[in-house]
Amino acid sequence: MPFVVQLSQSYVAEILEALYNRLRERDNGDYQAFCRLNWDAFHKGYDRMLSYWAEYYRWYDRRTGKYCKTRYRDYVGWKLYAEVFGCKK
């Protein structure tokens, strides 16, 4: 379990997709409990995942001249943390 949580901090979207697809259909109460017990490390991992999204996967809308952060909820890293690990930031 610690390995999977650590792996979820990857910037490689294909790794996150594989984790998400494997874990989304199961009962993840054990992962959620593990993350709550290790909140500080889990929170740093969440921040790292968010940083990777901002650097590599956030897109720029040339029409408005702004970064479009609305797509964050579509990012597989967010789905993994929210749906699998229970982090509802």
PDB file of N, CA and C in Angstrom:
ATOM      1  N   MET A   1       0.812  -1.202   0.000  1.00  0.00           N
ATOM      2  CA  MET A   1       0.000   0.000   0.000  1.00  0.00           C
ATOM      3  C   MET A   1       0.863   1.278   0.000  1.00  0.00           C
ATOM      4  N   PRO A   2       1.919   1.366   0.818  1.00  0.00           N
ATOM      5  CA  PRO A   2       2.746   2.569   0.751  1.00  0.00           C
ATOM      6  C   PRO A   2       3.367   2.779  -0.634  1.00  0.00           C
ATOM      7  N   PHE A   3       3.710   1.705  -1.307  1.00  0.00           N
ATOM      8  CA  PHE A   3       4.288   1.819  -2.643  1.00  0.00           C
ATOM      9  C   PHE A   3       3.282   2.434  -3.614  1.00  0.00           C
ATOM     10  N   VAL A   4       2.043   2.009  -3.540  1.00  0.00           N
ATOM     11  CA  VAL A   4       1.011   2.531  -4.446  1.00  0.00           C
ATOM     12  C   VAL A   4       0.761   4.007  -4.172  1.00  0.00           C
ATOM     13  N   VAL A   5       0.691   4.367  -2.903  1.00  0.00           N
ATOM     14  CA  VAL A   5       0.473   5.779  -2.559  1.00  0.00           C
ATOM     15  C   VAL A   5       1.658   6.616  -3.025  1.00  0.00           C
ATOM     16  N   GLN A   6       2.871   6.115  -2.837  1.00  0.00           N
ATOM     17  CA  GLN A   6       4.061   6.823  -3.311  1.00  0.00           C
ATOM     18  C   GLN A   6       4.058   6.949  -4.837  1.00  0.00           C
ATOM     19  N   LEU A   7       3.652   5.902  -5.513  1.00  0.00           N
ATOM     20  CA  LEU A   7       3.611   5.908  -6.972  1.00  0.00           C
ATOM     21  C   LEU A   7       2.580   6.898  -7.507  1.00  0.00           C
ATOM     22  N   SER A   8       1.560   7.180  -6.718  1.00  0.00           N
ATOM     23  CA  SER A   8       0.516   8.112  -7.145  1.00  0.00           C
ATOM     24  C   SER A   8       1.014   9.543  -7.248  1.00  0.00           C
ATOM     25  N   GLN A   9       2.227   9.798  -6.788  1.00  0.00           N
ATOM     26  CA  GLN A   9       2.805  11.136  -6.866  1.00  0.00           C
ATOM     27  C   GLN A   9       3.572  11.357  -8.165  1.00  0.00           C
ATOM     28  N   SER A  10       3.497  10.418  -9.065  1.00  0.00           N
ATOM     29  CA  SER A  10       4.248  10.487 -10.317  1.00  0.00           C
ATOM     30  C   SER A  10       3.708  11.585 -11.238  1.00  0.00           C
ATOM     31  N   TYR A  11       4.579  12.127 -12.051  1.00  0.00           N
ATOM     32  CA  TYR A  11       4.159  13.098 -13.057  1.00  0.00           C
ATOM     33  C   TYR A  11       3.755  12.423 -14.363  1.00  0.00           C
ATOM     34  N   VAL A  12       3.955  11.117 -14.464  1.00  0.00           N
ATOM     35  CA  VAL A  12       3.638  10.380 -15.683  1.00  0.00           C
ATOM     36  C   VAL A  12       2.150   9.992 -15.638  1.00  0.00           C
ATOM     37  N   ALA A  13       1.381  10.603 -16.508  1.00  0.00           N
ATOM     38  CA  ALA A  13      -0.064  10.396 -16.505  1.00  0.00           C
ATOM     39  C   ALA A  13      -0.440   8.942 -16.777  1.00  0.00           C
ATOM     40  N   GLU A  14       0.351   8.233 -17.558  1.00  0.00           N
ATOM     41  CA  GLU A  14       0.039   6.829 -17.862  1.00  0.00           C
ATOM     42  C   GLU A  14       0.135   5.956 -16.609  1.00  0.00           C
ATOM     43  N   ILE A  15       1.064   6.268 -15.721  1.00  0.00           N
ATOM     44  CA  ILE A  15       1.158   5.532 -14.457  1.00  0.00           C
ATOM     45  C   ILE A  15      -0.062   5.817 -13.600  1.00  0.00           C
ATOM     46  N   LEU A  16      -0.455   7.075 -13.546  1.00  0.00           N
ATOM     47  CA  LEU A  16      -1.641   7.446 -12.770  1.00  0.00           C
ATOM     48  C   LEU A  16      -2.902   6.818 -13.348  1.00  0.00           C
ATOM     49  N   GLU A  17      -2.998   6.765 -14.666  1.00  0.00           N
ATOM     50  CA  GLU A  17      -4.146   6.115 -15.325  1.00  0.00           C
ATOM     51  C   GLU A  17      -4.225   4.644 -14.938  1.00  0.00           C
ATOM     52  N   ALA A  18      -3.085   3.959 -14.978  1.00  0.00           N
ATOM     53  CA  ALA A  18      -3.063   2.534 -14.631  1.00  0.00           C
ATOM     54  C   ALA A  18      -3.502   2.325 -13.185  1.00  0.00           C
ATOM     55  N   LEU A  19      -3.009   3.145 -12.267  1.00  0.00           N
ATOM     56  CA  LEU A  19      -3.409   3.037 -10.861  1.00  0.00           C
ATOM     57  C   LEU A  19      -4.901   3.315 -10.702  1.00  0.00           C
ATOM     58  N   TYR A  20      -5.344   4.388 -11.316  1.00  0.00           N
ATOM     59  CA  TYR A  20      -6.748   4.778 -11.196  1.00  0.00           C
ATOM     60  C   TYR A  20      -7.674   3.703 -11.757  1.00  0.00           C
ATOM     61  N   ASN A  21      -7.364   3.194 -12.929  1.00  0.00           N
ATOM     62  CA  ASN A  21      -8.212   2.173 -13.543  1.00  0.00           C
ATOM     63  C   ASN A  21      -8.245   0.893 -12.721  1.00  0.00           C
ATOM     64  N   ARG A  22      -7.151   0.578 -12.077  1.00  0.00           N
ATOM     65  CA  ARG A  22      -7.070  -0.638 -11.262  1.00  0.00           C
ATOM     66  C   ARG A  22      -7.813  -0.488  -9.932  1.00  0.00           C
ATOM     67  N   LEU A  23      -7.794   0.711  -9.352  1.00  0.00           N
ATOM     68  CA  LEU A  23      -8.311   0.907  -8.000  1.00  0.00           C
ATOM     69  C   LEU A  23      -9.708   1.519  -7.921  1.00  0.00           C
ATOM     70  N   ARG A  24     -10.188   2.128  -8.974  1.00  0.00           N
ATOM     71  CA  ARG A  24     -11.450   2.871  -8.863  1.00  0.00           C
ATOM     72  C   ARG A  24     -12.669   1.998  -8.607  1.00  0.00           C
ATOM     73  N   GLU A  25     -12.644   0.755  -9.015  1.00  0.00           N
ATOM     74  CA  GLU A  25     -13.816  -0.109  -8.888  1.00  0.00           C
ATOM     75  C   GLU A  25     -13.869  -0.882  -7.571  1.00  0.00           C
ATOM     76  N   ARG A  26     -12.819  -0.806  -6.778  1.00  0.00           N
ATOM     77  CA  ARG A  26     -12.790  -1.592  -5.545  1.00  0.00           C
ATOM     78  C   ARG A  26     -13.114  -0.720  -4.346  1.00  0.00           C
ATOM     79  N   ASP A  27     -13.361  -1.365  -3.214  1.00  0.00           N
ATOM     80  CA  ASP A  27     -13.566  -0.650  -1.957  1.00  0.00           C
ATOM     81  C   ASP A  27     -12.190  -0.192  -1.470  1.00  0.00           C
ATOM     82  N   ASN A  28     -11.995   1.095  -1.350  1.00  0.00           N
ATOM     83  CA  ASN A  28     -10.691   1.644  -1.013  1.00  0.00           C
ATOM     84  C   ASN A  28     -10.616   2.185   0.405  1.00  0.00           C
ATOM     85  N   GLY A  29     -11.425   1.650   1.278  1.00  0.00           N
ATOM     86  CA  GLY A  29     -11.394   2.069   2.678  1.00  0.00           C
ATOM     87  C   GLY A  29     -10.037   1.864   3.322  1.00  0.00           C
ATOM     88  N   ASP A  30      -9.341   0.805   2.935  1.00  0.00           N
ATOM     89  CA  ASP A  30      -8.017   0.551   3.495  1.00  0.00           C
ATOM     90  C   ASP A  30      -7.016   1.615   3.043  1.00  0.00           C
ATOM     91  N   TYR A  31      -7.073   2.030   1.793  1.00  0.00           N
ATOM     92  CA  TYR A  31      -6.192   3.095   1.314  1.00  0.00           C
ATOM     93  C   TYR A  31      -6.534   4.428   1.990  1.00  0.00           C
ATOM     94  N   GLN A  32      -7.815   4.699   2.142  1.00  0.00           N
ATOM     95  CA  GLN A  32      -8.226   5.949   2.770  1.00  0.00           C
ATOM     96  C   GLN A  32      -7.795   6.006   4.230  1.00  0.00           C
ATOM     97  N   ALA A  33      -7.908   4.890   4.937  1.00  0.00           N
ATOM     98  CA  ALA A  33      -7.451   4.838   6.331  1.00  0.00           C
ATOM     99  C   ALA A  33      -5.938   5.023   6.411  1.00  0.00           C
ATOM    100  N   PHE A  34      -5.212   4.385   5.498  1.00  0.00           N
ATOM    101  CA  PHE A  34      -3.762   4.529   5.457  1.00  0.00           C
ATOM    102  C   PHE A  34      -3.366   5.983   5.231  1.00  0.00           C
ATOM    103  N   CYS A  35      -4.057   6.646   4.328  1.00  0.00           N
ATOM    104  CA  CYS A  35      -3.741   8.045   4.025  1.00  0.00           C
ATOM    105  C   CYS A  35      -4.063   8.952   5.209  1.00  0.00           C
ATOM    106  N   ARG A  36      -5.142   8.677   5.919  1.00  0.00           N
ATOM    107  CA  ARG A  36      -5.478   9.482   7.099  1.00  0.00           C
ATOM    108  C   ARG A  36      -4.437   9.296   8.206  1.00  0.00           C
ATOM    109  N   LEU A  37      -3.948   8.082   8.363  1.00  0.00           N
ATOM    110  CA  LEU A  37      -2.943   7.806   9.397  1.00  0.00           C
ATOM    111  C   LEU A  37      -1.590   8.426   9.061  1.00  0.00           C
ATOM    112  N   ASN A  38      -1.328   8.652   7.814  1.00  0.00           N
ATOM    113  CA  ASN A  38      -0.072   9.230   7.354  1.00  0.00           C
ATOM    114  C   ASN A  38      -0.334  10.567   6.662  1.00  0.00           C
ATOM    115  N   TRP A  39      -1.118  11.404   7.310  1.00  0.00           N
ATOM    116  CA  TRP A  39      -1.640  12.606   6.680  1.00  0.00           C
ATOM    117  C   TRP A  39      -0.553  13.539   6.174  1.00  0.00           C
ATOM    118  N   ASP A  40       0.498  13.766   6.935  1.00  0.00           N
ATOM    119  CA  ASP A  40       1.521  14.720   6.501  1.00  0.00           C
ATOM    120  C   ASP A  40       2.194  14.270   5.203  1.00  0.00           C
ATOM    121  N   ALA A  41       2.597  13.014   5.154  1.00  0.00           N
ATOM    122  CA  ALA A  41       3.231  12.488   3.943  1.00  0.00           C
ATOM    123  C   ALA A  41       2.237  12.468   2.787  1.00  0.00           C
ATOM    124  N   PHE A  42       0.995  12.098   3.066  1.00  0.00           N
ATOM    125  CA  PHE A  42      -0.043  12.055   2.044  1.00  0.00           C
ATOM    126  C   PHE A  42      -0.295  13.460   1.485  1.00  0.00           C
ATOM    127  N   HIS A  43      -0.365  14.448   2.357  1.00  0.00           N
ATOM    128  CA  HIS A  43      -0.610  15.821   1.946  1.00  0.00           C
ATOM    129  C   HIS A  43       0.530  16.337   1.075  1.00  0.00           C
ATOM    130  N   LYS A  44       1.773  16.010   1.403  1.00  0.00           N
ATOM    131  CA  LYS A  44       2.905  16.402   0.567  1.00  0.00           C
ATOM    132  C   LYS A  44       2.821  15.750  -0.809  1.00  0.00           C
ATOM    133  N   GLY A  45       2.376  14.498  -0.844  1.00  0.00           N
ATOM    134  CA  GLY A  45       2.199  13.812  -2.114  1.00  0.00           C
ATOM    135  C   GLY A  45       1.121  14.461  -2.961  1.00  0.00           C
ATOM    136  N   TYR A  46       0.032  14.873  -2.317  1.00  0.00           N
ATOM    137  CA  TYR A  46      -1.040  15.566  -3.023  1.00  0.00           C
ATOM    138  C   TYR A  46      -0.511  16.864  -3.623  1.00  0.00           C
ATOM    139  N   ASP A  47       0.245  17.604  -2.816  1.00  0.00           N
ATOM    140  CA  ASP A  47       0.814  18.858  -3.301  1.00  0.00           C
ATOM    141  C   ASP A  47       1.769  18.621  -4.462  1.00  0.00           C
ATOM    142  N   ARG A  48       2.528  17.539  -4.395  1.00  0.00           N
ATOM    143  CA  ARG A  48       3.453  17.210  -5.486  1.00  0.00           C
ATOM    144  C   ARG A  48       2.671  16.897  -6.759  1.00  0.00           C
ATOM    145  N   MET A  49       1.602  16.102  -6.622  1.00  0.00           N
ATOM    146  CA  MET A  49       0.764  15.769  -7.776  1.00  0.00           C
ATOM    147  C   MET A  49       0.165  17.039  -8.372  1.00  0.00           C
ATOM    148  N   LEU A  50      -0.286  17.946  -7.529  1.00  0.00           N
ATOM    149  CA  LEU A  50      -0.857  19.204  -7.987  1.00  0.00           C
ATOM    150  C   LEU A  50       0.193  20.045  -8.712  1.00  0.00           C
ATOM    151  N   SER A  51       1.392  20.050  -8.198  1.00  0.00           N
ATOM    152  CA  SER A  51       2.482  20.783  -8.833  1.00  0.00           C
ATOM    153  C   SER A  51       2.797  20.215 -10.212  1.00  0.00           C
ATOM    154  N   TYR A  52       2.803  18.894 -10.322  1.00  0.00           N
ATOM    155  CA  TYR A  52       3.051  18.270 -11.634  1.00  0.00           C
ATOM    156  C   TYR A  52       1.948  18.617 -12.617  1.00  0.00           C
ATOM    157  N   TRP A  53       0.710  18.624 -12.134  1.00  0.00           N
ATOM    158  CA  TRP A  53      -0.392  19.006 -13.017  1.00  0.00           C
ATOM    159  C   TRP A  53      -0.180  20.438 -13.521  1.00  0.00           C
ATOM    160  N   ALA A  54       0.159  21.335 -12.603  1.00  0.00           N
ATOM    161  CA  ALA A  54       0.322  22.741 -12.980  1.00  0.00           C
ATOM    162  C   ALA A  54       1.464  22.930 -13.974  1.00  0.00           C
ATOM    163  N   GLU A  55       2.498  22.131 -13.844  1.00  0.00           N
ATOM    164  CA  GLU A  55       3.662  22.281 -14.722  1.00  0.00           C
ATOM    165  C   GLU A  55       3.465  21.612 -16.079  1.00  0.00           C
ATOM    166  N   TYR A  56       2.853  20.424 -16.083  1.00  0.00           N
ATOM    167  CA  TYR A  56       2.820  19.616 -17.317  1.00  0.00           C
ATOM    168  C   TYR A  56       1.450  19.465 -17.970  1.00  0.00           C
ATOM    169  N   TYR A  57       0.368  19.620 -17.228  1.00  0.00           N
ATOM    170  CA  TYR A  57      -0.939  19.262 -17.777  1.00  0.00           C
ATOM    171  C   TYR A  57      -1.965  20.389 -17.783  1.00  0.00           C
ATOM    172  N   ARG A  58      -1.665  21.489 -17.165  1.00  0.00           N
ATOM    173  CA  ARG A  58      -2.572  22.628 -17.224  1.00  0.00           C
ATOM    174  C   ARG A  58      -2.442  23.243 -18.608  1.00  0.00           C
ATOM    175  N   TRP A  59      -3.512  23.716 -19.180  1.00  0.00           N
ATOM    176  CA  TRP A  59      -3.426  24.257 -20.534  1.00  0.00           C
ATOM    177  C   TRP A  59      -3.746  25.743 -20.548  1.00  0.00           C
ATOM    178  N   TYR A  60      -3.215  26.402 -21.539  1.00  0.00           N
ATOM    179  CA  TYR A  60      -3.315  27.848 -21.699  1.00  0.00           C
ATOM    180  C   TYR A  60      -4.316  28.157 -22.795  1.00  0.00           C
ATOM    181  N   ASP A  61      -5.297  28.971 -22.477  1.00  0.00           N
ATOM    182  CA  ASP A  61      -6.314  29.371 -23.445  1.00  0.00           C
ATOM    183  C   ASP A  61      -5.868  30.662 -24.119  1.00  0.00           C
ATOM    184  N   ARG A  62      -5.496  30.553 -25.386  1.00  0.00           N
ATOM    185  CA  ARG A  62      -4.984  31.722 -26.110  1.00  0.00           C
ATOM    186  C   ARG A  62      -6.056  32.773 -26.367  1.00  0.00           C
ATOM    187  N   ARG A  63      -7.307  32.365 -26.422  1.00  0.00           N
ATOM    188  CA  ARG A  63      -8.380  33.332 -26.668  1.00  0.00           C
ATOM    189  C   ARG A  63      -8.525  34.303 -25.507  1.00  0.00           C
ATOM    190  N   THR A  64      -8.456  33.785 -24.293  1.00  0.00           N
ATOM    191  CA  THR A  64      -8.631  34.633 -23.114  1.00  0.00           C
ATOM    192  C   THR A  64      -7.307  35.107 -22.527  1.00  0.00           C
ATOM    193  N   GLY A  65      -6.210  34.438 -22.895  1.00  0.00           N
ATOM    194  CA  GLY A  65      -4.910  34.792 -22.352  1.00  0.00           C
ATOM    195  C   GLY A  65      -4.713  34.331 -20.924  1.00  0.00           C
ATOM    196  N   LYS A  66      -5.479  33.292 -20.526  1.00  0.00           N
ATOM    197  CA  LYS A  66      -5.401  32.802 -19.144  1.00  0.00           C
ATOM    198  C   LYS A  66      -5.197  31.296 -19.133  1.00  0.00           C
ATOM    199  N   TYR A  67      -4.661  30.826 -18.018  1.00  0.00           N
ATOM    200  CA  TYR A  67      -4.585  29.385 -17.796  1.00  0.00           C
ATOM    201  C   TYR A  67      -5.958  28.888 -17.375  1.00  0.00           C
ATOM    202  N   CYS A  68      -6.380  27.801 -17.927  1.00  0.00           N
ATOM    203  CA  CYS A  68      -7.714  27.264 -17.653  1.00  0.00           C
ATOM    204  C   CYS A  68      -7.610  26.175 -16.600  1.00  0.00           C
ATOM    205  N   LYS A  69      -7.875  26.552 -15.394  1.00  0.00           N
ATOM    206  CA  LYS A  69      -7.747  25.617 -14.292  1.00  0.00           C
ATOM    207  C   LYS A  69      -8.975  24.721 -14.133  1.00  0.00           C
ATOM    208  N   THR A  70      -9.993  24.949 -14.884  1.00  0.00           N
ATOM    209  CA  THR A  70     -11.202  24.148 -14.750  1.00  0.00           C
ATOM    210  C   THR A  70     -10.957  22.691 -15.135  1.00  0.00           C
ATOM    211  N   ARG A  71      -9.932  22.439 -15.926  1.00  0.00           N
ATOM    212  CA  ARG A  71      -9.654  21.074 -16.363  1.00  0.00           C
ATOM    213  C   ARG A  71      -8.967  20.238 -15.290  1.00  0.00           C
ATOM    214  N   TYR A  72      -8.623  20.834 -14.177  1.00  0.00           N
ATOM    215  CA  TYR A  72      -7.953  20.101 -13.098  1.00  0.00           C
ATOM    216  C   TYR A  72      -8.784  18.909 -12.632  1.00  0.00           C
ATOM    217  N   ARG A  73     -10.078  19.093 -12.550  1.00  0.00           N
ATOM    218  CA  ARG A  73     -10.954  18.001 -12.082  1.00  0.00           C
ATOM    219  C   ARG A  73     -11.016  16.841 -13.080  1.00  0.00           C
ATOM    220  N   ASP A  74     -10.579  17.069 -14.295  1.00  0.00           N
ATOM    221  CA  ASP A  74     -10.509  16.001 -15.286  1.00  0.00           C
ATOM    222  C   ASP A  74      -9.170  15.276 -15.263  1.00  0.00           C
ATOM    223  N   TYR A  75      -8.192  15.828 -14.552  1.00  0.00           N
ATOM    224  CA  TYR A  75      -6.859  15.231 -14.487  1.00  0.00           C
ATOM    225  C   TYR A  75      -6.900  13.948 -13.667  1.00  0.00           C
ATOM    226  N   VAL A  76      -6.302  12.906 -14.187  1.00  0.00           N
ATOM    227  CA  VAL A  76      -6.362  11.595 -13.558  1.00  0.00           C
ATOM    228  C   VAL A  76      -5.723  11.591 -12.166  1.00  0.00           C
ATOM    229  N   GLY A  77      -4.735  12.434 -11.935  1.00  0.00           N
ATOM    230  CA  GLY A  77      -4.133  12.525 -10.602  1.00  0.00           C
ATOM    231  C   GLY A  77      -5.139  12.996  -9.571  1.00  0.00           C
ATOM    232  N   TRP A  78      -5.939  13.989  -9.939  1.00  0.00           N
ATOM    233  CA  TRP A  78      -6.968  14.464  -9.027  1.00  0.00           C
ATOM    234  C   TRP A  78      -8.016  13.383  -8.782  1.00  0.00           C
ATOM    235  N   LYS A  79      -8.423  12.700  -9.831  1.00  0.00           N
ATOM    236  CA  LYS A  79      -9.407  11.629  -9.683  1.00  0.00           C
ATOM    237  C   LYS A  79      -8.890  10.540  -8.753  1.00  0.00           C
ATOM    238  N   LEU A  80      -7.619  10.205  -8.891  1.00  0.00           N
ATOM    239  CA  LEU A  80      -7.011   9.189  -8.042  1.00  0.00           C
ATOM    240  C   LEU A  80      -7.056   9.618  -6.580  1.00  0.00           C
ATOM    241  N   TYR A  81      -6.660  10.842  -6.299  1.00  0.00           N
ATOM    242  CA  TYR A  81      -6.662  11.318  -4.916  1.00  0.00           C
ATOM    243  C   TYR A  81      -8.070  11.498  -4.374  1.00  0.00           C
ATOM    244  N   ALA A  82      -8.973  12.013  -5.172  1.00  0.00           N
ATOM    245  CA  ALA A  82     -10.330  12.283  -4.689  1.00  0.00           C
ATOM    246  C   ALA A  82     -11.169  11.020  -4.560  1.00  0.00           C
ATOM    247  N   GLU A  83     -11.193  10.199  -5.582  1.00  0.00           N
ATOM    248  CA  GLU A  83     -12.084   9.043  -5.604  1.00  0.00           C
ATOM    249  C   GLU A  83     -11.507   7.811  -4.910  1.00  0.00           C
ATOM    250  N   VAL A  84     -10.218   7.590  -5.065  1.00  0.00           N
ATOM    251  CA  VAL A  84      -9.607   6.384  -4.506  1.00  0.00           C
ATOM    252  C   VAL A  84      -9.123   6.632  -3.070  1.00  0.00           C
ATOM    253  N   PHE A  85      -8.374   7.724  -2.877  1.00  0.00           N
ATOM    254  CA  PHE A  85      -7.767   7.970  -1.571  1.00  0.00           C
ATOM    255  C   PHE A  85      -8.645   8.811  -0.657  1.00  0.00           C
ATOM    256  N   GLY A  86      -9.698   9.401  -1.197  1.00  0.00           N
ATOM    257  CA  GLY A  86     -10.655  10.134  -0.375  1.00  0.00           C
ATOM    258  C   GLY A  86     -10.237  11.529   0.014  1.00  0.00           C
ATOM    259  N   CYS A  87      -9.331  12.138  -0.708  1.00  0.00           N
ATOM    260  CA  CYS A  87      -8.868  13.487  -0.429  1.00  0.00           C
ATOM    261  C   CYS A  87      -9.766  14.460  -1.162  1.00  0.00           C
ATOM    262  N   LYS A  88     -10.636  15.154  -0.450  1.00  0.00           N
ATOM    263  CA  LYS A  88     -11.618  16.046  -1.082  1.00  0.00           C
ATOM    264  C   LYS A  88     -11.221  17.498  -0.929  1.00  0.00           C
ATOM    265  N   LYS A  89     -10.011  17.855  -1.315  1.00  0.00           N
ATOM    266  CA  LYS A  89      -9.555  19.249  -1.234  1.00  0.00           C
ATOM    267  C   LYS A  89     -10.265  20.094  -2.254  1.00  0.00           C
TER     268      LYS A  89
END
